[in-house]
Amino acid sequence: MMKNNIKGNIIDVITPRNYGIIEIDLSESILDYLWKISNKSKNKKECLKNSLAGNISNSYLVEDENNYFYNEVLEPALKIYCSSSHGHHPIISNPYHRDCFVKEIDNGNNFKFKLGNIWVNYQKKHEFNPMHNHTGVYSFVIWLKIPYDYEDQCKLPQFKGTKKIDLKPGCFEFRYVDMLGYHASKVYFLNKEEHEGKMLLFPSLLNHQVYPFYNTDEERVSMSGNIFFSPPTKNEGLT
């Protein structure tokens, strides 16, 4: 019988600090609002393609009217994220960005958030977003319309013989390096039943990409945006 050579008691298994992803199923009323402001942006056609990484047909600037989406969804989600990360915010942990805030923020804990740009993407078949990250502290993506199912995409003739692990048509993927230095990923195998109306909130510096889809002339519609620190002014005080 193997002897137990561990002296004393194991106190804990230490997990190094890391950052997660929040998944949110949006309500029908919120989705109705997002479709409304998306359709308005499509009519205005304020194009953002020259400032985005996407290799897609159309990206339009979206206005969050009266900060409705921020107040109803983003701010509550940020409170959950901040409480779960014990006050460790991704941008504060990055020295390149931290220097922008240390003079204004007391130890990185006293701040407000503000919403930057929101945009809506209309992606056609064969188009894609290469690997990239965003500005800000946090970012989000919302799938308003997914005109395909992952499993059906995998059955297309061009993927015959492809290893299951390499099949990613129409997928959304996060890419990062784990604590051992290996490249790792979190893949969302998108389908309309499960992912339409879902939002992901994640650190803006987290690399991600969107793979092309095939075999449909319908557009995939997604919305994204960035959230920044908003240092308080001297008159506002610290909250």
C-alpha atoms as a PDB file:
ATOM      1  CA  MET A   1       0.000   0.000   0.000  1.00  0.00           C
ATOM      2  CA  MET A   2       1.322   3.475  -0.926  1.00  0.00           C
ATOM      3  CA  LYS A   3       2.254   5.591   2.039  1.00  0.00           C
ATOM      4  CA  ASN A   4       0.968   9.113   2.419  1.00  0.00           C
ATOM      5  CA  ASN A   5       4.164  11.175   2.549  1.00  0.00           C
ATOM      6  CA  ILE A   6       2.374  14.526   2.938  1.00  0.00           C
ATOM      7  CA  LYS A   7       3.062  15.938   6.385  1.00  0.00           C
ATOM      8  CA  GLY A   8       0.360  18.018   7.955  1.00  0.00           C
ATOM      9  CA  ASN A   9      -2.870  19.097   6.275  1.00  0.00           C
ATOM     10  CA  ILE A  10      -3.459  20.526   2.812  1.00  0.00           C
ATOM     11  CA  ILE A  11      -4.791  24.010   3.486  1.00  0.00           C
ATOM     12  CA  ASP A  12      -5.918  25.127   0.062  1.00  0.00           C
ATOM     13  CA  VAL A  13      -5.423  24.812  -3.667  1.00  0.00           C
ATOM     14  CA  ILE A  14      -4.247  28.208  -4.864  1.00  0.00           C
ATOM     15  CA  THR A  15      -5.766  29.608  -8.053  1.00  0.00           C
ATOM     16  CA  PRO A  16      -3.743  32.512  -9.476  1.00  0.00           C
ATOM     17  CA  ARG A  17      -5.694  35.677 -10.194  1.00  0.00           C
ATOM     18  CA  ASN A  18      -7.525  35.580 -13.484  1.00  0.00           C
ATOM     19  CA  TYR A  19     -10.487  37.209 -15.211  1.00  0.00           C
ATOM     20  CA  GLY A  20     -13.693  35.597 -16.341  1.00  0.00           C
ATOM     21  CA  ILE A  21     -16.543  36.080 -18.801  1.00  0.00           C
ATOM     22  CA  ILE A  22     -20.129  36.879 -17.858  1.00  0.00           C
ATOM     23  CA  GLU A  23     -22.893  35.321 -19.975  1.00  0.00           C
ATOM     24  CA  ILE A  24     -26.299  37.023 -19.919  1.00  0.00           C
ATOM     25  CA  ASP A  25     -29.569  36.033 -21.569  1.00  0.00           C
ATOM     26  CA  LEU A  26     -31.215  39.340 -22.463  1.00  0.00           C
ATOM     27  CA  SER A  27     -34.933  39.885 -21.944  1.00  0.00           C
ATOM     28  CA  GLU A  28     -37.374  40.382 -24.806  1.00  0.00           C
ATOM     29  CA  SER A  29     -37.860  44.049 -23.908  1.00  0.00           C
ATOM     30  CA  ILE A  30     -34.108  44.687 -24.010  1.00  0.00           C
ATOM     31  CA  LEU A  31     -33.781  42.847 -27.324  1.00  0.00           C
ATOM     32  CA  ASP A  32     -36.653  44.878 -28.786  1.00  0.00           C
ATOM     33  CA  TYR A  33     -34.819  48.041 -27.755  1.00  0.00           C
ATOM     34  CA  LEU A  34     -31.521  46.840 -29.264  1.00  0.00           C
ATOM     35  CA  TRP A  35     -33.223  45.999 -32.549  1.00  0.00           C
ATOM     36  CA  LYS A  36     -34.814  49.458 -32.560  1.00  0.00           C
ATOM     37  CA  ILE A  37     -31.530  51.340 -32.134  1.00  0.00           C
ATOM     38  CA  SER A  38     -29.785  48.958 -34.548  1.00  0.00           C
ATOM     39  CA  ASN A  39     -32.339  49.669 -37.260  1.00  0.00           C
ATOM     40  CA  LYS A  40     -31.961  53.415 -36.669  1.00  0.00           C
ATOM     41  CA  SER A  41     -28.189  53.127 -37.048  1.00  0.00           C
ATOM     42  CA  LYS A  42     -28.593  51.146 -40.250  1.00  0.00           C
ATOM     43  CA  ASN A  43     -30.724  53.934 -41.693  1.00  0.00           C
ATOM     44  CA  LYS A  44     -28.255  56.646 -40.612  1.00  0.00           C
ATOM     45  CA  LYS A  45     -25.314  54.606 -41.974  1.00  0.00           C
ATOM     46  CA  GLU A  46     -22.625  56.130 -39.746  1.00  0.00           C
ATOM     47  CA  CYS A  47     -19.970  53.669 -40.873  1.00  0.00           C
ATOM     48  CA  LEU A  48     -17.255  52.514 -38.445  1.00  0.00           C
ATOM     49  CA  LYS A  49     -15.485  50.030 -40.709  1.00  0.00           C
ATOM     50  CA  ASN A  50     -12.299  52.099 -40.918  1.00  0.00           C
ATOM     51  CA  SER A  51     -11.821  51.933 -37.133  1.00  0.00           C
ATOM     52  CA  LEU A  52     -12.689  48.254 -36.590  1.00  0.00           C
ATOM     53  CA  ALA A  53     -10.846  45.004 -37.260  1.00  0.00           C
ATOM     54  CA  GLY A  54     -13.758  43.275 -38.962  1.00  0.00           C
ATOM     55  CA  ASN A  55     -13.557  42.041 -42.550  1.00  0.00           C
ATOM     56  CA  ILE A  56     -17.309  42.387 -42.962  1.00  0.00           C
ATOM     57  CA  SER A  57     -19.750  44.330 -45.108  1.00  0.00           C
ATOM     58  CA  ASN A  58     -21.245  46.849 -42.697  1.00  0.00           C
ATOM     59  CA  SER A  59     -20.560  48.229 -39.207  1.00  0.00           C
ATOM     60  CA  TYR A  60     -22.625  51.177 -37.971  1.00  0.00           C
ATOM     61  CA  LEU A  61     -22.388  53.443 -34.936  1.00  0.00           C
ATOM     62  CA  VAL A  62     -25.276  52.914 -32.498  1.00  0.00           C
ATOM     63  CA  GLU A  63     -26.682  55.394 -29.987  1.00  0.00           C
ATOM     64  CA  ASP A  64     -27.797  54.169 -26.565  1.00  0.00           C
ATOM     65  CA  GLU A  65     -30.763  56.483 -26.143  1.00  0.00           C
ATOM     66  CA  ASN A  66     -30.852  58.076 -22.666  1.00  0.00           C
ATOM     67  CA  ASN A  67     -28.287  55.478 -21.537  1.00  0.00           C
ATOM     68  CA  TYR A  68     -31.094  52.937 -21.313  1.00  0.00           C
ATOM     69  CA  PHE A  69     -29.022  49.841 -22.129  1.00  0.00           C
ATOM     70  CA  TYR A  70     -26.143  50.936 -19.925  1.00  0.00           C
ATOM     71  CA  ASN A  71     -28.413  51.574 -16.938  1.00  0.00           C
ATOM     72  CA  GLU A  72     -30.586  48.472 -17.346  1.00  0.00           C
ATOM     73  CA  VAL A  73     -27.964  45.869 -18.329  1.00  0.00           C
ATOM     74  CA  LEU A  74     -24.342  46.986 -18.381  1.00  0.00           C
ATOM     75  CA  GLU A  75     -24.118  48.717 -15.017  1.00  0.00           C
ATOM     76  CA  PRO A  76     -25.666  45.788 -13.078  1.00  0.00           C
ATOM     77  CA  ALA A  77     -23.425  43.347 -14.985  1.00  0.00           C
ATOM     78  CA  LEU A  78     -20.345  45.434 -14.149  1.00  0.00           C
ATOM     79  CA  LYS A  79     -21.217  45.329 -10.445  1.00  0.00           C
ATOM     80  CA  ILE A  80     -21.382  41.534 -10.614  1.00  0.00           C
ATOM     81  CA  TYR A  81     -18.085  41.346 -12.463  1.00  0.00           C
ATOM     82  CA  CYS A  82     -16.310  43.732 -10.094  1.00  0.00           C
ATOM     83  CA  SER A  83     -17.519  41.907  -6.995  1.00  0.00           C
ATOM     84  CA  SER A  84     -16.469  38.531  -8.412  1.00  0.00           C
ATOM     85  CA  SER A  85     -12.988  39.784  -9.378  1.00  0.00           C
ATOM     86  CA  HIS A  86     -12.371  41.239  -5.881  1.00  0.00           C
ATOM     87  CA  GLY A  87     -11.614  44.697  -7.228  1.00  0.00           C
ATOM     88  CA  HIS A  88      -8.877  43.527  -9.612  1.00  0.00           C
ATOM     89  CA  HIS A  89      -9.682  45.191 -12.907  1.00  0.00           C
ATOM     90  CA  PRO A  90      -7.916  44.102 -16.088  1.00  0.00           C
ATOM     91  CA  ILE A  91      -6.768  47.557 -17.119  1.00  0.00           C
ATOM     92  CA  ILE A  92      -5.304  48.288 -13.670  1.00  0.00           C
ATOM     93  CA  SER A  93      -3.287  45.064 -13.907  1.00  0.00           C
ATOM     94  CA  ASN A  94      -1.733  46.183 -17.185  1.00  0.00           C
ATOM     95  CA  PRO A  95       1.139  48.648 -16.502  1.00  0.00           C
ATOM     96  CA  TYR A  96       0.766  50.257 -19.932  1.00  0.00           C
ATOM     97  CA  HIS A  97      -2.773  51.416 -19.104  1.00  0.00           C
ATOM     98  CA  ARG A  98      -2.402  51.769 -15.352  1.00  0.00           C
ATOM     99  CA  ASP A  99      -0.136  54.796 -15.660  1.00  0.00           C
ATOM    100  CA  CYS A 100      -3.003  56.726 -17.258  1.00  0.00           C
ATOM    101  CA  PHE A 101      -5.080  56.454 -14.097  1.00  0.00           C
ATOM    102  CA  VAL A 102      -2.902  56.301 -10.995  1.00  0.00           C
ATOM    103  CA  LYS A 103      -2.715  60.080 -10.682  1.00  0.00           C
ATOM    104  CA  GLU A 104      -6.508  60.371 -10.754  1.00  0.00           C
ATOM    105  CA  ILE A 105      -7.651  57.236  -8.938  1.00  0.00           C
ATOM    106  CA  ASP A 106      -6.843  56.270  -5.378  1.00  0.00           C
ATOM    107  CA  ASN A 107      -5.285  52.789  -5.603  1.00  0.00           C
ATOM    108  CA  GLY A 108      -7.447  51.959  -8.621  1.00  0.00           C
ATOM    109  CA  ASN A 109     -10.581  51.491  -6.525  1.00  0.00           C
ATOM    110  CA  ASN A 110     -12.370  54.848  -6.705  1.00  0.00           C
ATOM    111  CA  PHE A 111     -13.818  55.389 -10.133  1.00  0.00           C
ATOM    112  CA  LYS A 112     -16.897  55.407 -12.287  1.00  0.00           C
ATOM    113  CA  PHE A 113     -17.488  53.681 -15.593  1.00  0.00           C
ATOM    114  CA  LYS A 114     -18.639  55.220 -18.840  1.00  0.00           C
ATOM    115  CA  LEU A 115     -19.861  53.677 -22.049  1.00  0.00           C
ATOM    116  CA  GLY A 116     -17.808  54.307 -25.173  1.00  0.00           C
ATOM    117  CA  ASN A 117     -18.949  53.556 -28.703  1.00  0.00           C
ATOM    118  CA  ILE A 118     -21.513  50.881 -29.517  1.00  0.00           C
ATOM    119  CA  TRP A 119     -21.677  49.452 -33.006  1.00  0.00           C
ATOM    120  CA  VAL A 120     -23.707  46.883 -34.875  1.00  0.00           C
ATOM    121  CA  ASN A 121     -22.172  44.460 -37.374  1.00  0.00           C
ATOM    122  CA  TYR A 122     -23.994  43.018 -40.369  1.00  0.00           C
ATOM    123  CA  GLN A 123     -21.931  40.025 -41.449  1.00  0.00           C
ATOM    124  CA  LYS A 124     -22.531  38.100 -44.672  1.00  0.00           C
ATOM    125  CA  LYS A 125     -21.404  34.567 -45.495  1.00  0.00           C
ATOM    126  CA  HIS A 126     -17.641  34.128 -46.022  1.00  0.00           C
ATOM    127  CA  GLU A 127     -16.869  37.290 -44.012  1.00  0.00           C
ATOM    128  CA  PHE A 128     -14.941  37.217 -40.724  1.00  0.00           C
ATOM    129  CA  ASN A 129     -13.329  39.161 -37.893  1.00  0.00           C
ATOM    130  CA  PRO A 130      -9.620  38.359 -37.444  1.00  0.00           C
ATOM    131  CA  MET A 131      -8.152  37.996 -33.975  1.00  0.00           C
ATOM    132  CA  HIS A 132      -8.161  41.331 -32.161  1.00  0.00           C
ATOM    133  CA  ASN A 133      -8.871  43.007 -28.850  1.00  0.00           C
ATOM    134  CA  HIS A 134     -10.555  46.254 -27.855  1.00  0.00           C
ATOM    135  CA  THR A 135      -9.848  49.510 -26.052  1.00  0.00           C
ATOM    136  CA  GLY A 136     -11.318  50.234 -22.639  1.00  0.00           C
ATOM    137  CA  VAL A 137     -11.622  48.063 -19.530  1.00  0.00           C
ATOM    138  CA  TYR A 138     -14.524  45.826 -20.489  1.00  0.00           C
ATOM    139  CA  SER A 139     -16.218  44.978 -23.767  1.00  0.00           C
ATOM    140  CA  PHE A 140     -19.362  43.133 -24.741  1.00  0.00           C
ATOM    141  CA  VAL A 141     -20.816  41.284 -27.688  1.00  0.00           C
ATOM    142  CA  ILE A 142     -24.496  40.515 -28.293  1.00  0.00           C
ATOM    143  CA  TRP A 143     -25.841  38.133 -30.921  1.00  0.00           C
ATOM    144  CA  LEU A 144     -29.093  39.574 -32.245  1.00  0.00           C
ATOM    145  CA  LYS A 145     -29.435  37.219 -35.204  1.00  0.00           C
ATOM    146  CA  ILE A 146     -27.648  33.980 -36.079  1.00  0.00           C
ATOM    147  CA  PRO A 147     -28.912  32.604 -39.416  1.00  0.00           C
ATOM    148  CA  TYR A 148     -27.285  29.173 -39.077  1.00  0.00           C
ATOM    149  CA  ASP A 149     -26.591  26.286 -36.709  1.00  0.00           C
ATOM    150  CA  TYR A 150     -23.061  25.126 -36.022  1.00  0.00           C
ATOM    151  CA  GLU A 151     -23.847  21.446 -36.546  1.00  0.00           C
ATOM    152  CA  ASP A 152     -25.367  22.147 -39.976  1.00  0.00           C
ATOM    153  CA  GLN A 153     -22.339  24.213 -40.959  1.00  0.00           C
ATOM    154  CA  CYS A 154     -20.058  21.299 -40.071  1.00  0.00           C
ATOM    155  CA  LYS A 155     -21.955  19.019 -42.483  1.00  0.00           C
ATOM    156  CA  LEU A 156     -21.048  21.123 -45.524  1.00  0.00           C
ATOM    157  CA  PRO A 157     -18.933  19.238 -48.090  1.00  0.00           C
ATOM    158  CA  GLN A 158     -15.831  21.417 -47.681  1.00  0.00           C
ATOM    159  CA  PHE A 159     -15.445  20.200 -44.093  1.00  0.00           C
ATOM    160  CA  LYS A 160     -15.551  16.471 -44.865  1.00  0.00           C
ATOM    161  CA  GLY A 161     -12.572  14.798 -43.205  1.00  0.00           C
ATOM    162  CA  THR A 162     -11.740  17.801 -40.984  1.00  0.00           C
ATOM    163  CA  LYS A 163     -10.902  16.922 -37.393  1.00  0.00           C
ATOM    164  CA  LYS A 164     -13.692  17.750 -34.949  1.00  0.00           C
ATOM    165  CA  ILE A 165     -11.389  19.943 -32.869  1.00  0.00           C
ATOM    166  CA  ASP A 166     -10.630  22.085 -35.948  1.00  0.00           C
ATOM    167  CA  LEU A 167     -14.253  22.561 -37.051  1.00  0.00           C
ATOM    168  CA  LYS A 168     -15.191  26.168 -36.278  1.00  0.00           C
ATOM    169  CA  PRO A 169     -17.455  27.495 -39.059  1.00  0.00           C
ATOM    170  CA  GLY A 170     -19.469  30.465 -37.793  1.00  0.00           C
ATOM    171  CA  CYS A 171     -17.913  30.264 -34.321  1.00  0.00           C
ATOM    172  CA  PHE A 172     -16.876  32.988 -31.891  1.00  0.00           C
ATOM    173  CA  GLU A 173     -13.598  32.287 -30.079  1.00  0.00           C
ATOM    174  CA  PHE A 174     -11.631  33.796 -27.205  1.00  0.00           C
ATOM    175  CA  ARG A 175      -7.857  33.181 -27.270  1.00  0.00           C
ATOM    176  CA  TYR A 176      -5.490  33.516 -24.313  1.00  0.00           C
ATOM    177  CA  VAL A 177      -2.361  32.057 -22.707  1.00  0.00           C
ATOM    178  CA  ASP A 178      -2.753  29.895 -19.589  1.00  0.00           C
ATOM    179  CA  MET A 179      -0.453  29.873 -16.548  1.00  0.00           C
ATOM    180  CA  LEU A 180       1.814  27.263 -18.179  1.00  0.00           C
ATOM    181  CA  GLY A 181       2.279  29.371 -21.295  1.00  0.00           C
ATOM    182  CA  TYR A 182       0.046  27.237 -23.525  1.00  0.00           C
ATOM    183  CA  HIS A 183      -2.310  28.829 -26.010  1.00  0.00           C
ATOM    184  CA  ALA A 184      -5.883  28.141 -24.939  1.00  0.00           C
ATOM    185  CA  SER A 185      -9.329  29.089 -26.160  1.00  0.00           C
ATOM    186  CA  LYS A 186     -12.985  29.281 -25.261  1.00  0.00           C
ATOM    187  CA  VAL A 187     -15.135  28.583 -28.332  1.00  0.00           C
ATOM    188  CA  TYR A 188     -18.827  29.422 -28.733  1.00  0.00           C
ATOM    189  CA  PHE A 189     -20.267  26.978 -31.257  1.00  0.00           C
ATOM    190  CA  LEU A 190     -23.016  29.340 -32.313  1.00  0.00           C
ATOM    191  CA  ASN A 191     -26.570  28.336 -33.126  1.00  0.00           C
ATOM    192  CA  LYS A 192     -29.689  30.459 -33.225  1.00  0.00           C
ATOM    193  CA  GLU A 193     -31.649  28.486 -30.618  1.00  0.00           C
ATOM    194  CA  GLU A 194     -29.047  28.801 -27.876  1.00  0.00           C
ATOM    195  CA  HIS A 195     -27.180  32.023 -28.628  1.00  0.00           C
ATOM    196  CA  GLU A 196     -29.566  34.541 -30.183  1.00  0.00           C
ATOM    197  CA  GLY A 197     -30.221  37.151 -27.499  1.00  0.00           C
ATOM    198  CA  LYS A 198     -27.127  36.247 -25.467  1.00  0.00           C
ATOM    199  CA  MET A 199     -24.546  38.800 -24.319  1.00  0.00           C
ATOM    200  CA  LEU A 200     -20.948  38.220 -23.219  1.00  0.00           C
ATOM    201  CA  LEU A 201     -19.114  40.729 -21.005  1.00  0.00           C
ATOM    202  CA  PHE A 202     -15.339  40.301 -20.922  1.00  0.00           C
ATOM    203  CA  PRO A 203     -12.050  42.202 -20.393  1.00  0.00           C
ATOM    204  CA  SER A 204     -11.336  44.402 -23.389  1.00  0.00           C
ATOM    205  CA  LEU A 205      -7.774  43.130 -23.779  1.00  0.00           C
ATOM    206  CA  LEU A 206      -8.954  39.530 -24.218  1.00  0.00           C
ATOM    207  CA  ASN A 207      -8.222  38.425 -27.792  1.00  0.00           C
ATOM    208  CA  HIS A 208     -11.152  37.094 -29.793  1.00  0.00           C
ATOM    209  CA  GLN A 209     -12.158  36.325 -33.366  1.00  0.00           C
ATOM    210  CA  VAL A 210     -15.162  35.433 -35.502  1.00  0.00           C
ATOM    211  CA  TYR A 211     -15.043  32.665 -38.112  1.00  0.00           C
ATOM    212  CA  PRO A 212     -16.917  32.842 -41.436  1.00  0.00           C
ATOM    213  CA  PHE A 213     -20.176  30.996 -42.002  1.00  0.00           C
ATOM    214  CA  TYR A 214     -21.527  29.534 -45.232  1.00  0.00           C
ATOM    215  CA  ASN A 215     -24.572  28.320 -47.118  1.00  0.00           C
ATOM    216  CA  THR A 216     -27.032  31.128 -46.302  1.00  0.00           C
ATOM    217  CA  ASP A 217     -27.655  34.570 -47.768  1.00  0.00           C
ATOM    218  CA  GLU A 218     -29.058  35.921 -44.486  1.00  0.00           C
ATOM    219  CA  GLU A 219     -26.904  38.290 -42.432  1.00  0.00           C
ATOM    220  CA  ARG A 220     -25.567  37.584 -38.970  1.00  0.00           C
ATOM    221  CA  VAL A 221     -26.281  40.615 -36.769  1.00  0.00           C
ATOM    222  CA  SER A 222     -24.214  41.337 -33.671  1.00  0.00           C
ATOM    223  CA  MET A 223     -23.684  44.363 -31.455  1.00  0.00           C
ATOM    224  CA  SER A 224     -20.509  45.280 -29.578  1.00  0.00           C
ATOM    225  CA  GLY A 225     -19.205  48.084 -27.389  1.00  0.00           C
ATOM    226  CA  ASN A 226     -16.513  49.174 -24.949  1.00  0.00           C
ATOM    227  CA  ILE A 227     -16.648  50.416 -21.363  1.00  0.00           C
ATOM    228  CA  PHE A 228     -14.023  52.750 -19.917  1.00  0.00           C
ATOM    229  CA  PHE A 229     -12.953  54.077 -16.555  1.00  0.00           C
ATOM    230  CA  SER A 230     -14.271  57.553 -15.899  1.00  0.00           C
ATOM    231  CA  PRO A 231     -12.055  59.162 -13.214  1.00  0.00           C
ATOM    232  CA  PRO A 232     -14.091  61.435 -10.926  1.00  0.00           C
ATOM    233  CA  THR A 233     -13.419  65.145 -11.065  1.00  0.00           C
ATOM    234  CA  LYS A 234     -12.428  67.107  -7.973  1.00  0.00           C
ATOM    235  CA  ASN A 235     -15.969  68.488  -7.681  1.00  0.00           C
ATOM    236  CA  GLU A 236     -17.569  65.050  -7.848  1.00  0.00           C
ATOM    237  CA  GLY A 237     -15.498  63.505  -5.089  1.00  0.00           C
ATOM    238  CA  LEU A 238     -14.650  59.812  -4.898  1.00  0.00           C
ATOM    239  CA  THR A 239     -17.337  57.122  -4.821  1.00  0.00           C
END
